[in-house]
Amino acid sequence: MRTVAVYPGRFHVFHKGHQAVYEHLVSQYRQDNVYIATSAKQNDKDSPFSYDDKVAMMTKLGVP
């Protein structure tokens, strides 16, 4: 049976703490079993980043 880890969050802003959690999950479950879940919901008050913005932030920190 395959075990997967899903790391959900808004990630406004995706930072090194989020990266550290992701890396810990990868060390426990392998990269091909770890998924990040986030939404494309965006507004000026508390969700300023688009989905594409969040993907770019994650990529810059080495999260595929």
C-alpha atoms as a PDB file:
ATOM      1  CA  MET A   1       0.000   0.000   0.000  1.00  0.00           C
ATOM      2  CA  ARG A   2       1.317   3.436  -0.948  1.00  0.00           C
ATOM      3  CA  THR A   3       1.390   6.221   1.625  1.00  0.00           C
ATOM      4  CA  VAL A   4       1.203   9.820   0.467  1.00  0.00           C
ATOM      5  CA  ALA A   5       1.614  13.067   2.390  1.00  0.00           C
ATOM      6  CA  VAL A   6      -0.499  16.088   1.493  1.00  0.00           C
ATOM      7  CA  TYR A   7       0.736  19.446   2.775  1.00  0.00           C
ATOM      8  CA  PRO A   8      -2.163  21.925   2.497  1.00  0.00           C
ATOM      9  CA  GLY A   9      -2.016  25.646   3.071  1.00  0.00           C
ATOM     10  CA  ARG A  10      -2.651  29.144   1.757  1.00  0.00           C
ATOM     11  CA  PHE A  11       1.113  29.911   1.573  1.00  0.00           C
ATOM     12  CA  HIS A  12       0.841  33.698   1.554  1.00  0.00           C
ATOM     13  CA  VAL A  13       3.953  33.915   1.391  1.00  0.00           C
ATOM     14  CA  PHE A  14       5.675  30.546   0.871  1.00  0.00           C
ATOM     15  CA  HIS A  15       8.775  30.855   3.078  1.00  0.00           C
ATOM     16  CA  LYS A  16      11.740  28.849   4.354  1.00  0.00           C
ATOM     17  CA  GLY A  17       9.657  27.399   7.204  1.00  0.00           C
ATOM     18  CA  HIS A  18       7.235  25.937   4.674  1.00  0.00           C
ATOM     19  CA  GLN A  19      10.224  24.673   2.694  1.00  0.00           C
ATOM     20  CA  ALA A  20      11.599  22.963   5.823  1.00  0.00           C
ATOM     21  CA  VAL A  21       8.275  21.180   6.427  1.00  0.00           C
ATOM     22  CA  TYR A  22       8.218  20.039   2.796  1.00  0.00           C
ATOM     23  CA  GLU A  23      11.803  18.741   3.032  1.00  0.00           C
ATOM     24  CA  HIS A  24      10.959  16.868   6.234  1.00  0.00           C
ATOM     25  CA  LEU A  25       7.976  15.226   4.536  1.00  0.00           C
ATOM     26  CA  VAL A  26      10.187  14.258   1.581  1.00  0.00           C
ATOM     27  CA  SER A  27      12.721  12.706   3.968  1.00  0.00           C
ATOM     28  CA  GLN A  28       9.928  10.619   5.509  1.00  0.00           C
ATOM     29  CA  TYR A  29       7.845   9.683   2.441  1.00  0.00           C
ATOM     30  CA  ARG A  30      10.019  10.352  -0.671  1.00  0.00           C
ATOM     31  CA  GLN A  31       9.445  13.191  -3.097  1.00  0.00           C
ATOM     32  CA  ASP A  32       7.126  11.268  -5.404  1.00  0.00           C
ATOM     33  CA  ASN A  33       4.745  10.722  -2.460  1.00  0.00           C
ATOM     34  CA  VAL A  34       4.570  14.320  -1.186  1.00  0.00           C
ATOM     35  CA  TYR A  35       2.020  16.791  -2.551  1.00  0.00           C
ATOM     36  CA  ILE A  36       1.422  20.442  -1.781  1.00  0.00           C
ATOM     37  CA  ALA A  37      -2.191  21.594  -1.943  1.00  0.00           C
ATOM     38  CA  THR A  38      -3.137  25.264  -2.248  1.00  0.00           C
ATOM     39  CA  SER A  39      -5.896  27.288  -3.794  1.00  0.00           C
ATOM     40  CA  ALA A  40      -6.053  29.847  -6.560  1.00  0.00           C
ATOM     41  CA  LYS A  41      -8.261  32.106  -4.407  1.00  0.00           C
ATOM     42  CA  GLN A  42      -6.894  35.628  -4.402  1.00  0.00           C
ATOM     43  CA  ASN A  43      -7.963  38.922  -2.852  1.00  0.00           C
ATOM     44  CA  ASP A  44      -6.187  42.102  -1.809  1.00  0.00           C
ATOM     45  CA  LYS A  45      -6.792  41.813   1.932  1.00  0.00           C
ATOM     46  CA  ASP A  46      -5.483  38.438   3.063  1.00  0.00           C
ATOM     47  CA  SER A  47      -4.703  36.378  -0.048  1.00  0.00           C
ATOM     48  CA  PRO A  48      -2.565  38.634  -2.253  1.00  0.00           C
ATOM     49  CA  PHE A  49      -0.734  35.956  -4.239  1.00  0.00           C
ATOM     50  CA  SER A  50      -2.063  34.102  -7.260  1.00  0.00           C
ATOM     51  CA  TYR A  51      -1.548  30.380  -7.757  1.00  0.00           C
ATOM     52  CA  ASP A  52       1.205  31.157 -10.279  1.00  0.00           C
ATOM     53  CA  ASP A  53       2.892  33.483  -7.757  1.00  0.00           C
ATOM     54  CA  LYS A  54       2.906  30.709  -5.171  1.00  0.00           C
ATOM     55  CA  VAL A  55       4.314  28.181  -7.635  1.00  0.00           C
ATOM     56  CA  ALA A  56       7.096  30.647  -8.494  1.00  0.00           C
ATOM     57  CA  MET A  57       7.927  31.139  -4.783  1.00  0.00           C
ATOM     58  CA  MET A  58       8.062  27.399  -4.200  1.00  0.00           C
ATOM     59  CA  THR A  59      10.223  26.839  -7.254  1.00  0.00           C
ATOM     60  CA  LYS A  60      12.716  29.508  -6.150  1.00  0.00           C
ATOM     61  CA  LEU A  61      13.094  27.652  -2.845  1.00  0.00           C
ATOM     62  CA  GLY A  62      13.736  24.358  -4.644  1.00  0.00           C
ATOM     63  CA  VAL A  63      10.280  22.834  -4.209  1.00  0.00           C
ATOM     64  CA  PRO A  64       9.189  21.225  -7.469  1.00  0.00           C
END
